[in-house]
Amino acid sequence: MIEGAVSPYAPARVCSNHREKNVPKVLALVAALAAGVAAQAAPQPLRITFDGNVQSDYRRGVFEAGMRFTGPLSTTMVTYPWVNSQGAYNGTPTLLAYAYPMTMARRDGQPFTLQALDIGWYWLPEGQTSGRVMATLLRPDGSIGTRELDLPLGDFRSWQFGETVTQVTFGQPFFTHLRYDNVDLLVPAPVPEARTAWLALLGLAGLAAWRRFVPGRPAQR
């Protein structure tokens, strides 16, 4: 072999300067993809107002934005747009629970965070000016919590929670009627397929970085 010639069988040398110069770019790409994954995984705020909910069949409850609002009997949960003479009214349609408890849950069974809601009496028996509402919270770990609210007859009240649950049941004295509105939630990201795509891109970016910059492999120009 001629002195100074390079054998075609000798391993190609890695261009370390080229490699080191591009490492920050790859790291920035990986960081951006990771941030996208985190954004997809973060819970999304949701407010349910019942304003556009028009249903003719309430036998399985009221459904809106992936949530289900049900009672133990058919037709005990409806959306109701009209004023009543003594109870809460805010000028917009609301969820009305006739006589029986209301249970709130996601239709897909996933946990959600109940931040707050507006609640008020639609009707109380004659002579009664307030009543107690009990919220029973079923948490993802199977534990149960309770909250109580002494609710006077009149305008809506905001009830704050800030709890992650799989369902909440609101109990009321028999044959009293409650209205609910402006239910504020944090719910899982609505398109899980997008998160899967981000994970795939993140894996491809890592593979590309390894192929390009692993020691002992030829640098690509």
N, C-alpha and C. Protein backbone atom coordinates (compact mmCIF):
# COMPACT_ATOMS: atom_id res chain seq x y z
N MET A 1 0.86 -1.19 0.00
CA MET A 1 0.00 0.00 0.00
C MET A 1 0.89 1.24 0.00
N ILE A 2 0.50 2.23 -0.75
CA ILE A 2 1.26 3.48 -0.81
C ILE A 2 1.19 4.18 0.51
N GLU A 3 2.35 4.67 0.96
CA GLU A 3 2.41 5.33 2.25
C GLU A 3 1.51 6.57 2.24
N GLY A 4 0.70 6.71 3.26
CA GLY A 4 -0.20 7.86 3.37
C GLY A 4 -1.57 7.61 2.81
N ALA A 5 -1.75 6.50 2.04
CA ALA A 5 -3.06 6.19 1.47
C ALA A 5 -3.96 5.61 2.56
N VAL A 6 -5.26 5.79 2.39
CA VAL A 6 -6.26 5.29 3.34
C VAL A 6 -6.86 4.02 2.79
N SER A 7 -6.82 2.97 3.58
CA SER A 7 -7.40 1.70 3.16
C SER A 7 -8.92 1.82 3.06
N PRO A 8 -9.49 1.24 2.00
CA PRO A 8 -10.96 1.28 1.90
C PRO A 8 -11.63 0.50 3.01
N TYR A 9 -10.86 -0.35 3.73
CA TYR A 9 -11.43 -1.16 4.80
C TYR A 9 -11.25 -0.52 6.18
N ALA A 10 -10.54 0.60 6.20
CA ALA A 10 -10.33 1.27 7.49
C ALA A 10 -11.61 2.00 7.89
N PRO A 11 -11.96 2.02 9.20
CA PRO A 11 -13.18 2.74 9.63
C PRO A 11 -13.05 4.23 9.39
N ALA A 12 -14.14 4.81 8.95
CA ALA A 12 -14.15 6.25 8.70
C ALA A 12 -14.00 7.00 10.00
N ARG A 13 -13.32 8.14 9.96
CA ARG A 13 -13.13 8.92 11.16
C ARG A 13 -14.34 9.81 11.43
N VAL A 14 -14.63 9.99 12.70
CA VAL A 14 -15.76 10.83 13.08
C VAL A 14 -15.31 12.27 13.13
N CYS A 15 -16.08 13.12 12.55
CA CYS A 15 -15.77 14.55 12.58
C CYS A 15 -16.33 15.12 13.88
N SER A 16 -15.47 15.23 14.89
CA SER A 16 -15.96 15.63 16.21
C SER A 16 -16.48 17.06 16.22
N ASN A 17 -15.82 17.96 15.45
CA ASN A 17 -16.28 19.35 15.44
C ASN A 17 -17.70 19.45 14.89
N HIS A 18 -17.95 18.71 13.80
CA HIS A 18 -19.28 18.72 13.19
C HIS A 18 -20.29 18.15 14.18
N ARG A 19 -19.90 17.08 14.86
CA ARG A 19 -20.81 16.45 15.82
C ARG A 19 -21.14 17.41 16.94
N GLU A 20 -20.12 18.02 17.56
CA GLU A 20 -20.35 18.89 18.70
C GLU A 20 -21.15 20.12 18.32
N LYS A 21 -20.96 20.59 17.10
CA LYS A 21 -21.67 21.78 16.66
C LYS A 21 -23.17 21.52 16.55
N ASN A 22 -23.56 20.30 16.19
CA ASN A 22 -24.97 19.99 15.97
C ASN A 22 -25.67 19.43 17.20
N VAL A 23 -24.91 19.06 18.22
CA VAL A 23 -25.55 18.50 19.42
C VAL A 23 -26.58 19.46 20.01
N PRO A 24 -26.29 20.78 20.17
CA PRO A 24 -27.32 21.67 20.73
C PRO A 24 -28.59 21.70 19.91
N LYS A 25 -28.48 21.59 18.59
CA LYS A 25 -29.67 21.61 17.74
C LYS A 25 -30.55 20.39 18.01
N VAL A 26 -29.90 19.23 18.12
CA VAL A 26 -30.67 18.01 18.38
C VAL A 26 -31.30 18.06 19.77
N LEU A 27 -30.52 18.55 20.74
CA LEU A 27 -31.07 18.66 22.09
C LEU A 27 -32.25 19.61 22.13
N ALA A 28 -32.18 20.69 21.39
CA ALA A 28 -33.29 21.63 21.34
C ALA A 28 -34.52 20.99 20.71
N LEU A 29 -34.30 20.17 19.67
CA LEU A 29 -35.42 19.47 19.03
C LEU A 29 -36.06 18.49 20.00
N VAL A 30 -35.23 17.74 20.71
CA VAL A 30 -35.77 16.78 21.68
C VAL A 30 -36.53 17.50 22.78
N ALA A 31 -36.00 18.65 23.25
CA ALA A 31 -36.67 19.40 24.30
C ALA A 31 -38.02 19.93 23.82
N ALA A 32 -38.08 20.38 22.56
CA ALA A 32 -39.34 20.88 22.02
C ALA A 32 -40.37 19.77 21.92
N LEU A 33 -39.92 18.59 21.48
CA LEU A 33 -40.84 17.46 21.39
C LEU A 33 -41.31 17.02 22.77
N ALA A 34 -40.42 17.03 23.74
CA ALA A 34 -40.81 16.68 25.11
C ALA A 34 -41.83 17.66 25.66
N ALA A 35 -41.65 18.96 25.35
CA ALA A 35 -42.62 19.96 25.80
C ALA A 35 -43.97 19.72 25.15
N GLY A 36 -43.97 19.29 23.90
CA GLY A 36 -45.23 18.96 23.23
C GLY A 36 -45.94 17.80 23.90
N VAL A 37 -45.18 16.78 24.30
CA VAL A 37 -45.75 15.64 25.01
C VAL A 37 -46.38 16.09 26.32
N ALA A 38 -45.66 16.95 27.06
CA ALA A 38 -46.18 17.43 28.34
C ALA A 38 -47.46 18.23 28.15
N ALA A 39 -47.49 19.05 27.08
CA ALA A 39 -48.69 19.85 26.81
C ALA A 39 -49.88 18.96 26.50
N GLN A 40 -49.63 17.87 25.75
CA GLN A 40 -50.71 16.96 25.44
C GLN A 40 -51.23 16.26 26.68
N ALA A 41 -50.34 15.99 27.65
CA ALA A 41 -50.73 15.26 28.84
C ALA A 41 -51.41 16.15 29.87
N ALA A 42 -51.21 17.46 29.80
CA ALA A 42 -51.75 18.36 30.81
C ALA A 42 -53.27 18.40 30.75
N PRO A 43 -53.95 18.41 31.90
CA PRO A 43 -55.41 18.54 31.90
C PRO A 43 -55.85 19.85 31.26
N GLN A 44 -57.02 19.81 30.64
CA GLN A 44 -57.54 20.97 29.94
C GLN A 44 -58.73 21.56 30.71
N PRO A 45 -58.80 22.89 30.89
CA PRO A 45 -59.97 23.49 31.57
C PRO A 45 -61.21 23.38 30.70
N LEU A 46 -62.34 23.14 31.35
CA LEU A 46 -63.62 23.00 30.66
C LEU A 46 -64.71 23.61 31.53
N ARG A 47 -65.56 24.44 30.94
CA ARG A 47 -66.75 24.96 31.63
C ARG A 47 -68.00 24.46 30.91
N ILE A 48 -68.88 23.84 31.65
CA ILE A 48 -70.15 23.35 31.11
C ILE A 48 -71.25 24.29 31.57
N THR A 49 -71.98 24.86 30.59
CA THR A 49 -73.02 25.84 30.90
C THR A 49 -74.42 25.34 30.58
N PHE A 50 -74.53 24.26 29.82
CA PHE A 50 -75.82 23.68 29.42
C PHE A 50 -76.60 24.59 28.47
N ASP A 51 -75.99 25.70 28.01
CA ASP A 51 -76.73 26.66 27.20
C ASP A 51 -77.15 26.09 25.85
N GLY A 52 -76.29 25.27 25.23
CA GLY A 52 -76.61 24.74 23.91
C GLY A 52 -77.12 23.32 23.95
N ASN A 53 -77.47 22.83 25.13
CA ASN A 53 -77.86 21.42 25.28
C ASN A 53 -79.35 21.28 25.04
N VAL A 54 -79.72 20.74 23.87
CA VAL A 54 -81.12 20.52 23.52
C VAL A 54 -81.32 19.03 23.34
N GLN A 55 -82.07 18.40 24.24
CA GLN A 55 -82.32 16.97 24.18
C GLN A 55 -83.81 16.69 24.29
N SER A 56 -84.26 15.66 23.60
CA SER A 56 -85.67 15.27 23.68
C SER A 56 -85.85 13.99 24.46
N ASP A 57 -84.75 13.29 24.77
CA ASP A 57 -84.83 12.03 25.50
C ASP A 57 -83.83 12.07 26.65
N TYR A 58 -84.33 12.17 27.88
CA TYR A 58 -83.49 12.31 29.06
C TYR A 58 -83.44 11.02 29.87
N ARG A 59 -83.86 9.90 29.26
CA ARG A 59 -83.97 8.68 30.06
C ARG A 59 -82.63 8.16 30.54
N ARG A 60 -81.55 8.55 29.88
CA ARG A 60 -80.21 8.10 30.31
C ARG A 60 -79.41 9.24 30.89
N GLY A 61 -80.04 10.38 31.11
CA GLY A 61 -79.33 11.51 31.69
C GLY A 61 -79.06 12.61 30.68
N VAL A 62 -78.38 13.63 31.14
CA VAL A 62 -77.97 14.76 30.30
C VAL A 62 -76.50 14.59 29.98
N PHE A 63 -76.13 14.75 28.71
CA PHE A 63 -74.75 14.56 28.26
C PHE A 63 -74.23 15.85 27.66
N GLU A 64 -73.02 16.23 28.06
CA GLU A 64 -72.41 17.42 27.46
C GLU A 64 -70.90 17.36 27.63
N ALA A 65 -70.18 17.61 26.53
CA ALA A 65 -68.71 17.74 26.54
C ALA A 65 -68.04 16.54 27.19
N GLY A 66 -68.54 15.33 26.90
CA GLY A 66 -67.93 14.13 27.44
C GLY A 66 -68.34 13.78 28.86
N MET A 67 -69.21 14.60 29.46
CA MET A 67 -69.68 14.35 30.82
C MET A 67 -71.11 13.82 30.79
N ARG A 68 -71.46 13.09 31.85
CA ARG A 68 -72.81 12.54 32.00
C ARG A 68 -73.37 12.98 33.35
N PHE A 69 -74.61 13.49 33.34
CA PHE A 69 -75.29 13.92 34.55
C PHE A 69 -76.58 13.10 34.67
N THR A 70 -76.66 12.24 35.68
CA THR A 70 -77.75 11.29 35.75
C THR A 70 -78.39 11.28 37.14
N GLY A 71 -79.60 10.72 37.17
CA GLY A 71 -80.30 10.47 38.42
C GLY A 71 -80.72 9.02 38.49
N PRO A 72 -81.28 8.58 39.63
CA PRO A 72 -81.64 7.17 39.79
C PRO A 72 -82.86 6.77 38.98
N LEU A 73 -83.68 7.72 38.56
CA LEU A 73 -84.89 7.43 37.80
C LEU A 73 -84.86 8.20 36.49
N SER A 74 -85.59 7.73 35.51
CA SER A 74 -85.67 8.43 34.23
C SER A 74 -86.37 9.78 34.43
N THR A 75 -85.99 10.73 33.60
CA THR A 75 -86.54 12.09 33.55
C THR A 75 -86.31 12.89 34.83
N THR A 76 -85.38 12.48 35.70
CA THR A 76 -85.09 13.30 36.88
C THR A 76 -84.02 14.35 36.61
N MET A 77 -83.32 14.26 35.48
CA MET A 77 -82.32 15.26 35.09
C MET A 77 -82.73 15.85 33.74
N VAL A 78 -82.90 17.16 33.68
CA VAL A 78 -83.25 17.83 32.43
C VAL A 78 -82.52 19.16 32.37
N THR A 79 -82.40 19.71 31.17
CA THR A 79 -81.95 21.09 31.05
C THR A 79 -83.20 21.97 31.02
N TYR A 80 -83.14 23.07 31.77
CA TYR A 80 -84.34 23.87 32.00
C TYR A 80 -84.01 25.34 31.79
N PRO A 81 -84.66 26.00 30.83
CA PRO A 81 -84.29 27.38 30.51
C PRO A 81 -85.15 28.45 31.15
N TRP A 82 -86.19 28.08 31.90
CA TRP A 82 -87.19 29.06 32.30
C TRP A 82 -87.02 29.50 33.75
N VAL A 83 -87.57 30.69 34.04
CA VAL A 83 -87.55 31.24 35.38
C VAL A 83 -88.60 30.54 36.24
N ASN A 84 -88.36 30.49 37.53
CA ASN A 84 -89.38 30.02 38.46
C ASN A 84 -89.61 31.09 39.52
N SER A 85 -90.73 31.04 40.19
CA SER A 85 -91.17 32.16 41.00
C SER A 85 -90.33 32.39 42.25
N GLN A 86 -89.72 31.35 42.83
CA GLN A 86 -89.04 31.53 44.11
C GLN A 86 -87.57 31.17 44.10
N GLY A 87 -87.11 30.33 43.16
CA GLY A 87 -85.77 29.79 43.24
C GLY A 87 -84.74 30.54 42.42
N ALA A 88 -83.57 29.90 42.27
CA ALA A 88 -82.44 30.51 41.56
C ALA A 88 -82.72 30.58 40.06
N TYR A 89 -82.29 31.69 39.46
CA TYR A 89 -82.42 31.87 38.02
C TYR A 89 -81.38 32.89 37.59
N ASN A 90 -80.62 32.54 36.52
CA ASN A 90 -79.58 33.46 36.04
C ASN A 90 -79.80 33.87 34.58
N GLY A 91 -80.97 33.57 34.04
CA GLY A 91 -81.29 34.00 32.69
C GLY A 91 -80.85 33.06 31.60
N THR A 92 -80.22 31.93 31.94
CA THR A 92 -79.74 30.97 30.95
C THR A 92 -80.23 29.56 31.31
N PRO A 93 -80.20 28.62 30.34
CA PRO A 93 -80.55 27.24 30.68
C PRO A 93 -79.62 26.66 31.74
N THR A 94 -80.16 25.80 32.58
CA THR A 94 -79.40 25.16 33.63
C THR A 94 -79.76 23.68 33.69
N LEU A 95 -79.00 22.92 34.46
CA LEU A 95 -79.35 21.54 34.74
C LEU A 95 -80.30 21.52 35.93
N LEU A 96 -81.42 20.82 35.79
CA LEU A 96 -82.42 20.76 36.85
C LEU A 96 -82.54 19.32 37.34
N ALA A 97 -82.34 19.12 38.65
CA ALA A 97 -82.46 17.80 39.26
C ALA A 97 -83.78 17.74 40.03
N TYR A 98 -84.70 16.95 39.50
CA TYR A 98 -86.01 16.81 40.14
C TYR A 98 -85.95 15.79 41.26
N ALA A 99 -86.07 16.22 42.49
CA ALA A 99 -86.37 15.36 43.65
C ALA A 99 -85.27 14.39 44.06
N TYR A 100 -84.43 13.97 43.13
CA TYR A 100 -83.47 12.92 43.42
C TYR A 100 -82.03 13.41 43.24
N PRO A 101 -81.04 12.70 43.82
CA PRO A 101 -79.64 13.10 43.68
C PRO A 101 -79.17 13.09 42.23
N MET A 102 -78.18 13.93 41.96
CA MET A 102 -77.54 13.99 40.65
C MET A 102 -76.12 13.45 40.76
N THR A 103 -75.74 12.58 39.83
CA THR A 103 -74.38 12.04 39.78
C THR A 103 -73.69 12.54 38.52
N MET A 104 -72.49 13.06 38.69
CA MET A 104 -71.68 13.59 37.60
C MET A 104 -70.47 12.69 37.39
N ALA A 105 -70.20 12.30 36.13
CA ALA A 105 -69.04 11.47 35.81
C ALA A 105 -68.70 11.65 34.34
N ARG A 106 -67.47 11.29 33.99
CA ARG A 106 -67.10 11.28 32.58
C ARG A 106 -67.67 10.03 31.91
N ARG A 107 -68.03 10.16 30.66
CA ARG A 107 -68.60 9.03 29.93
C ARG A 107 -67.57 7.93 29.69
N ASP A 108 -66.28 8.30 29.61
CA ASP A 108 -65.24 7.29 29.39
C ASP A 108 -64.68 6.75 30.69
N GLY A 109 -65.18 7.21 31.83
CA GLY A 109 -64.74 6.70 33.12
C GLY A 109 -63.44 7.27 33.66
N GLN A 110 -62.79 8.15 32.92
CA GLN A 110 -61.52 8.71 33.38
C GLN A 110 -61.73 9.71 34.52
N PRO A 111 -60.72 9.89 35.38
CA PRO A 111 -60.82 10.90 36.44
C PRO A 111 -60.89 12.30 35.85
N PHE A 112 -61.42 13.21 36.63
CA PHE A 112 -61.46 14.62 36.27
C PHE A 112 -61.38 15.42 37.56
N THR A 113 -61.06 16.69 37.44
CA THR A 113 -61.00 17.57 38.60
C THR A 113 -62.20 18.50 38.59
N LEU A 114 -63.01 18.42 39.64
CA LEU A 114 -64.12 19.34 39.80
C LEU A 114 -63.60 20.58 40.52
N GLN A 115 -63.55 21.68 39.80
CA GLN A 115 -63.06 22.94 40.38
C GLN A 115 -64.16 23.66 41.17
N ALA A 116 -65.29 23.89 40.52
CA ALA A 116 -66.38 24.63 41.16
C ALA A 116 -67.63 24.49 40.30
N LEU A 117 -68.76 24.86 40.88
CA LEU A 117 -70.01 24.93 40.14
C LEU A 117 -70.95 25.91 40.83
N ASP A 118 -71.95 26.37 40.08
CA ASP A 118 -73.01 27.21 40.65
C ASP A 118 -74.19 26.31 40.99
N ILE A 119 -74.79 26.52 42.15
CA ILE A 119 -75.87 25.68 42.61
C ILE A 119 -76.92 26.55 43.29
N GLY A 120 -78.21 26.19 43.11
CA GLY A 120 -79.29 26.94 43.74
C GLY A 120 -80.56 26.11 43.76
N TRP A 121 -81.44 26.43 44.65
CA TRP A 121 -82.72 25.71 44.73
C TRP A 121 -83.65 26.17 43.62
N TYR A 122 -84.30 25.21 42.99
CA TYR A 122 -85.41 25.52 42.09
C TYR A 122 -86.72 25.57 42.88
N TRP A 123 -86.83 24.66 43.86
CA TRP A 123 -88.06 24.63 44.66
C TRP A 123 -87.79 23.95 45.99
N LEU A 124 -88.37 24.53 47.05
CA LEU A 124 -88.38 23.93 48.38
C LEU A 124 -89.83 23.87 48.88
N PRO A 125 -90.14 22.93 49.76
CA PRO A 125 -91.50 22.87 50.30
C PRO A 125 -91.90 24.20 50.96
N GLU A 126 -93.18 24.46 50.98
CA GLU A 126 -93.70 25.71 51.52
C GLU A 126 -93.23 25.92 52.96
N GLY A 127 -92.75 27.11 53.22
CA GLY A 127 -92.27 27.47 54.54
C GLY A 127 -90.81 27.16 54.79
N GLN A 128 -90.16 26.44 53.89
CA GLN A 128 -88.74 26.09 54.06
C GLN A 128 -87.90 27.10 53.30
N THR A 129 -86.91 27.68 53.98
CA THR A 129 -86.11 28.74 53.38
C THR A 129 -84.67 28.32 53.07
N SER A 130 -84.28 27.11 53.46
CA SER A 130 -82.94 26.62 53.15
C SER A 130 -82.94 25.11 53.23
N GLY A 131 -81.88 24.51 52.75
CA GLY A 131 -81.73 23.06 52.81
C GLY A 131 -80.27 22.70 52.70
N ARG A 132 -79.94 21.48 53.10
CA ARG A 132 -78.56 21.03 53.08
C ARG A 132 -78.32 20.11 51.89
N VAL A 133 -77.23 20.37 51.18
CA VAL A 133 -76.81 19.53 50.05
C VAL A 133 -75.52 18.83 50.45
N MET A 134 -75.45 17.52 50.21
CA MET A 134 -74.23 16.77 50.50
C MET A 134 -73.63 16.24 49.20
N ALA A 135 -72.35 16.53 49.00
CA ALA A 135 -71.61 16.02 47.85
C ALA A 135 -70.76 14.84 48.30
N THR A 136 -70.93 13.70 47.64
CA THR A 136 -70.12 12.51 47.92
C THR A 136 -69.15 12.33 46.76
N LEU A 137 -67.85 12.37 47.08
CA LEU A 137 -66.82 12.34 46.04
C LEU A 137 -66.11 10.99 46.05
N LEU A 138 -66.13 10.32 44.92
CA LEU A 138 -65.39 9.07 44.74
C LEU A 138 -64.08 9.39 44.05
N ARG A 139 -62.97 9.14 44.77
CA ARG A 139 -61.65 9.49 44.25
C ARG A 139 -61.07 8.34 43.44
N PRO A 140 -60.02 8.61 42.59
CA PRO A 140 -59.43 7.56 41.76
C PRO A 140 -58.86 6.39 42.56
N ASP A 141 -58.41 6.63 43.81
CA ASP A 141 -57.84 5.54 44.61
C ASP A 141 -58.90 4.73 45.34
N GLY A 142 -60.18 5.04 45.09
CA GLY A 142 -61.27 4.32 45.72
C GLY A 142 -61.76 4.92 47.02
N SER A 143 -61.06 5.90 47.57
CA SER A 143 -61.51 6.53 48.81
C SER A 143 -62.69 7.46 48.53
N ILE A 144 -63.43 7.77 49.59
CA ILE A 144 -64.65 8.57 49.46
C ILE A 144 -64.54 9.79 50.37
N GLY A 145 -64.88 10.93 49.85
CA GLY A 145 -64.92 12.15 50.63
C GLY A 145 -66.31 12.77 50.57
N THR A 146 -66.62 13.62 51.52
CA THR A 146 -67.91 14.30 51.54
C THR A 146 -67.74 15.79 51.77
N ARG A 147 -68.63 16.55 51.20
CA ARG A 147 -68.72 17.99 51.44
C ARG A 147 -70.19 18.32 51.70
N GLU A 148 -70.45 19.29 52.57
CA GLU A 148 -71.82 19.71 52.85
C GLU A 148 -71.95 21.21 52.64
N LEU A 149 -73.13 21.61 52.19
CA LEU A 149 -73.40 23.02 51.95
C LEU A 149 -74.82 23.32 52.42
N ASP A 150 -74.95 24.27 53.37
CA ASP A 150 -76.26 24.78 53.78
C ASP A 150 -76.65 25.87 52.80
N LEU A 151 -77.62 25.57 51.96
CA LEU A 151 -77.95 26.42 50.82
C LEU A 151 -79.27 27.13 51.06
N PRO A 152 -79.26 28.46 51.14
CA PRO A 152 -80.52 29.20 51.31
C PRO A 152 -81.29 29.30 49.99
N LEU A 153 -82.58 29.45 50.10
CA LEU A 153 -83.40 29.67 48.92
C LEU A 153 -83.10 31.05 48.36
N GLY A 154 -82.95 31.14 47.05
CA GLY A 154 -82.63 32.43 46.44
C GLY A 154 -81.70 32.26 45.26
N ASP A 155 -80.70 33.14 45.16
CA ASP A 155 -79.81 33.14 44.00
C ASP A 155 -78.84 31.97 44.02
N PHE A 156 -78.18 31.76 42.88
CA PHE A 156 -77.14 30.74 42.79
C PHE A 156 -75.99 31.08 43.74
N ARG A 157 -75.36 30.03 44.27
CA ARG A 157 -74.14 30.16 45.05
C ARG A 157 -73.02 29.38 44.34
N SER A 158 -71.79 29.90 44.42
CA SER A 158 -70.64 29.19 43.87
C SER A 158 -70.10 28.24 44.93
N TRP A 159 -69.94 26.97 44.57
CA TRP A 159 -69.44 25.95 45.49
C TRP A 159 -68.08 25.49 44.98
N GLN A 160 -67.02 25.74 45.75
CA GLN A 160 -65.65 25.44 45.36
C GLN A 160 -65.26 24.04 45.83
N PHE A 161 -64.54 23.29 44.96
CA PHE A 161 -64.09 21.95 45.31
C PHE A 161 -62.58 21.78 45.14
N GLY A 162 -62.09 21.76 43.89
CA GLY A 162 -60.67 21.54 43.63
C GLY A 162 -60.22 20.13 43.95
N GLU A 163 -61.06 19.13 43.67
CA GLU A 163 -60.75 17.73 43.96
C GLU A 163 -60.78 16.90 42.68
N THR A 164 -59.82 15.94 42.58
CA THR A 164 -59.81 15.01 41.46
C THR A 164 -60.63 13.78 41.84
N VAL A 165 -61.58 13.42 40.99
CA VAL A 165 -62.55 12.38 41.30
C VAL A 165 -62.85 11.56 40.06
N THR A 166 -63.55 10.45 40.26
CA THR A 166 -64.13 9.71 39.13
C THR A 166 -65.62 9.96 39.01
N GLN A 167 -66.26 10.33 40.13
CA GLN A 167 -67.65 10.76 40.08
C GLN A 167 -68.00 11.53 41.35
N VAL A 168 -69.04 12.35 41.23
CA VAL A 168 -69.56 13.11 42.37
C VAL A 168 -71.07 12.96 42.37
N THR A 169 -71.64 12.67 43.54
CA THR A 169 -73.09 12.59 43.70
C THR A 169 -73.55 13.67 44.66
N PHE A 170 -74.54 14.45 44.24
CA PHE A 170 -75.09 15.54 45.04
C PHE A 170 -76.43 15.10 45.61
N GLY A 171 -76.47 14.90 46.92
CA GLY A 171 -77.69 14.48 47.59
C GLY A 171 -78.48 15.66 48.11
N GLN A 172 -79.79 15.57 48.07
CA GLN A 172 -80.67 16.64 48.50
C GLN A 172 -81.87 16.04 49.25
N PRO A 173 -82.53 16.81 50.10
CA PRO A 173 -83.73 16.28 50.75
C PRO A 173 -84.77 15.84 49.71
N PHE A 174 -85.48 14.77 50.03
CA PHE A 174 -86.44 14.23 49.08
C PHE A 174 -87.49 15.27 48.70
N PHE A 175 -87.79 15.26 47.41
CA PHE A 175 -88.78 16.14 46.80
C PHE A 175 -88.45 17.61 46.94
N THR A 176 -87.15 17.89 46.88
CA THR A 176 -86.68 19.25 46.64
C THR A 176 -85.98 19.24 45.28
N HIS A 177 -85.90 20.39 44.63
CA HIS A 177 -85.37 20.45 43.27
C HIS A 177 -84.20 21.44 43.21
N LEU A 178 -83.09 21.00 42.62
CA LEU A 178 -81.88 21.81 42.54
C LEU A 178 -81.56 22.19 41.11
N ARG A 179 -80.93 23.35 40.94
CA ARG A 179 -80.41 23.77 39.64
C ARG A 179 -78.89 23.87 39.73
N TYR A 180 -78.23 23.48 38.62
CA TYR A 180 -76.76 23.54 38.52
C TYR A 180 -76.40 24.29 37.25
N ASP A 181 -75.29 25.03 37.32
CA ASP A 181 -74.81 25.75 36.13
C ASP A 181 -73.32 26.04 36.30
N ASN A 182 -72.68 26.39 35.17
CA ASN A 182 -71.27 26.82 35.15
C ASN A 182 -70.38 25.84 35.92
N VAL A 183 -70.38 24.60 35.45
CA VAL A 183 -69.56 23.55 36.07
C VAL A 183 -68.14 23.67 35.52
N ASP A 184 -67.19 24.02 36.37
CA ASP A 184 -65.79 24.21 35.96
C ASP A 184 -64.98 22.96 36.29
N LEU A 185 -64.33 22.40 35.26
CA LEU A 185 -63.60 21.15 35.38
C LEU A 185 -62.21 21.27 34.80
N LEU A 186 -61.33 20.34 35.20
CA LEU A 186 -60.10 20.03 34.47
C LEU A 186 -60.24 18.60 34.00
N VAL A 187 -60.12 18.40 32.69
CA VAL A 187 -60.35 17.08 32.11
C VAL A 187 -59.13 16.64 31.31
N PRO A 188 -58.98 15.31 31.05
CA PRO A 188 -57.85 14.83 30.25
C PRO A 188 -57.85 15.46 28.87
N ALA A 189 -56.65 15.52 28.26
CA ALA A 189 -56.53 16.06 26.90
C ALA A 189 -57.50 15.35 25.98
N PRO A 190 -58.22 16.10 25.13
CA PRO A 190 -59.31 15.51 24.37
C PRO A 190 -58.89 14.58 23.24
N VAL A 191 -57.62 14.66 22.77
CA VAL A 191 -57.21 13.83 21.62
C VAL A 191 -55.98 13.03 22.02
N PRO A 192 -56.15 11.86 22.61
CA PRO A 192 -54.99 11.09 23.04
C PRO A 192 -54.11 10.64 21.90
N GLU A 193 -54.66 10.52 20.67
CA GLU A 193 -53.84 10.10 19.53
C GLU A 193 -52.71 11.09 19.27
N ALA A 194 -52.95 12.37 19.55
CA ALA A 194 -51.90 13.37 19.34
C ALA A 194 -50.72 13.13 20.27
N ARG A 195 -51.00 12.70 21.50
CA ARG A 195 -49.91 12.41 22.43
C ARG A 195 -49.09 11.24 21.93
N THR A 196 -49.76 10.23 21.37
CA THR A 196 -49.05 9.09 20.82
C THR A 196 -48.12 9.52 19.69
N ALA A 197 -48.61 10.45 18.86
CA ALA A 197 -47.77 10.94 17.77
C ALA A 197 -46.54 11.67 18.29
N TRP A 198 -46.71 12.49 19.33
CA TRP A 198 -45.56 13.18 19.92
C TRP A 198 -44.54 12.19 20.46
N LEU A 199 -44.99 11.13 21.10
CA LEU A 199 -44.06 10.13 21.64
C LEU A 199 -43.29 9.46 20.51
N ALA A 200 -43.99 9.17 19.41
CA ALA A 200 -43.31 8.56 18.27
C ALA A 200 -42.24 9.49 17.71
N LEU A 201 -42.57 10.78 17.57
CA LEU A 201 -41.60 11.74 17.05
C LEU A 201 -40.41 11.88 17.99
N LEU A 202 -40.69 11.85 19.30
CA LEU A 202 -39.60 11.95 20.27
C LEU A 202 -38.65 10.77 20.14
N GLY A 203 -39.21 9.57 19.95
CA GLY A 203 -38.37 8.39 19.76
C GLY A 203 -37.54 8.48 18.50
N LEU A 204 -38.15 8.97 17.42
CA LEU A 204 -37.41 9.10 16.16
C LEU A 204 -36.29 10.12 16.30
N ALA A 205 -36.55 11.22 17.03
CA ALA A 205 -35.49 12.23 17.21
C ALA A 205 -34.32 11.64 17.98
N GLY A 206 -34.62 10.86 19.03
CA GLY A 206 -33.55 10.23 19.79
C GLY A 206 -32.75 9.26 18.95
N LEU A 207 -33.45 8.47 18.12
CA LEU A 207 -32.77 7.52 17.25
C LEU A 207 -31.88 8.24 16.25
N ALA A 208 -32.40 9.34 15.68
CA ALA A 208 -31.61 10.10 14.71
C ALA A 208 -30.36 10.67 15.35
N ALA A 209 -30.51 11.17 16.58
CA ALA A 209 -29.34 11.71 17.27
C ALA A 209 -28.31 10.63 17.53
N TRP A 210 -28.74 9.46 17.91
CA TRP A 210 -27.80 8.36 18.17
C TRP A 210 -27.08 7.94 16.91
N ARG A 211 -27.83 7.82 15.84
CA ARG A 211 -27.21 7.38 14.56
C ARG A 211 -26.21 8.40 14.07
N ARG A 212 -26.48 9.69 14.34
CA ARG A 212 -25.62 10.72 13.77
C ARG A 212 -24.37 10.98 14.62
N PHE A 213 -24.49 10.84 15.93
CA PHE A 213 -23.43 11.32 16.79
C PHE A 213 -22.80 10.27 17.69
N VAL A 214 -23.23 9.02 17.61
CA VAL A 214 -22.61 8.00 18.45
C VAL A 214 -21.14 7.85 18.08
N PRO A 215 -20.25 7.76 19.08
CA PRO A 215 -18.82 7.62 18.78
C PRO A 215 -18.55 6.36 17.96
N GLY A 216 -17.62 6.50 16.98
CA GLY A 216 -17.25 5.36 16.16
C GLY A 216 -18.06 5.23 14.90
N ARG A 217 -19.12 6.07 14.74
CA ARG A 217 -19.87 6.07 13.47
C ARG A 217 -19.42 7.22 12.64
N PRO A 218 -19.46 7.10 11.33
CA PRO A 218 -19.04 8.22 10.48
C PRO A 218 -20.01 9.39 10.59
N ALA A 219 -19.46 10.57 10.68
CA ALA A 219 -20.31 11.76 10.70
C ALA A 219 -20.88 11.99 9.32
N GLN A 220 -22.16 12.40 9.25
CA GLN A 220 -22.79 12.68 7.98
C GLN A 220 -22.71 14.17 7.70
N ARG A 221 -22.24 14.46 6.50
CA ARG A 221 -22.01 15.87 6.14
C ARG A 221 -23.23 16.40 5.43
